[in-house]
């Protein structure tokens, strides 16, 4: 939440990365229903599509495409009615919220702005990757905005899976480019912070390799070795995989440095 700059006090902040939650004027809103309820799915779709809206036929396909439904249009009307009731009971100001115009449905509140973290992340990431020069700050900003996979509790939904993959690819691209530039500048502390977050979100994508590189560059060899041991144990226990060549290369480099440091200490003691 600290990474989001709200335009004014009256604002609905929507978290979709790493979970789903709503904050209105920095206070949590409670929607009394299951996350996979059709009303919440509809709300998520409308919030994500924002000012562009979503075509009615596409919305019907997302909500009812997998189901045998004799009258999906009537079902959609009923879901919209239930969603408006949920919103009225949530603590939000009285409003219609859901508008239909020129074949599209929109999320359009009259009295406040809406900020969706996933949308903000995507815009920032695309801008950062398209920028030709002086883009490191924007790349780091995009990485900071990414707090986890898109709507993880709705991951089985096709539209969620598509957005999730796109966000993950953008995140990885921004992270790789940011780390490359920080490595050139010798900014290993900041690089380590970004890689540590990436490892927590995606423990099986081998971001530990860059963590180890940072720790070695900072002469923190014991921490680097602990990171290696934890990662290789996790890969073996969870996936049955032996250390990759990248990880083994880091282990050899660490071993050499640790032996060198130990030898240097012995020489000092001898002197």
Foldseek 3Di string as FASTA:
>chain_A
DVLDDFPDQQEWEFEFFPATWIAGSNHTWDQPDDCPPLLNVVVVVQLVCAPVFDAPVVNLCLSDVVHDDPDSPVVVVVSLVVNLVRVVPGPDPRDSQWDDDPRGIHRDGDPYYYHYLLNVLVVLLVVLVPDDPPSLVSLVSSLVSRQAFGNVVVCVRPVSVVSRVVSVVSNVVSLVVNLVVCVVVVVLVSNLVSLVSVCVRPVPPPSLLSNLVSCVSVVVLVVSVVSLVVSQVCCCVPPVDGDDPSSVVSVVVSVVSVVVVVVVVVVVVVD
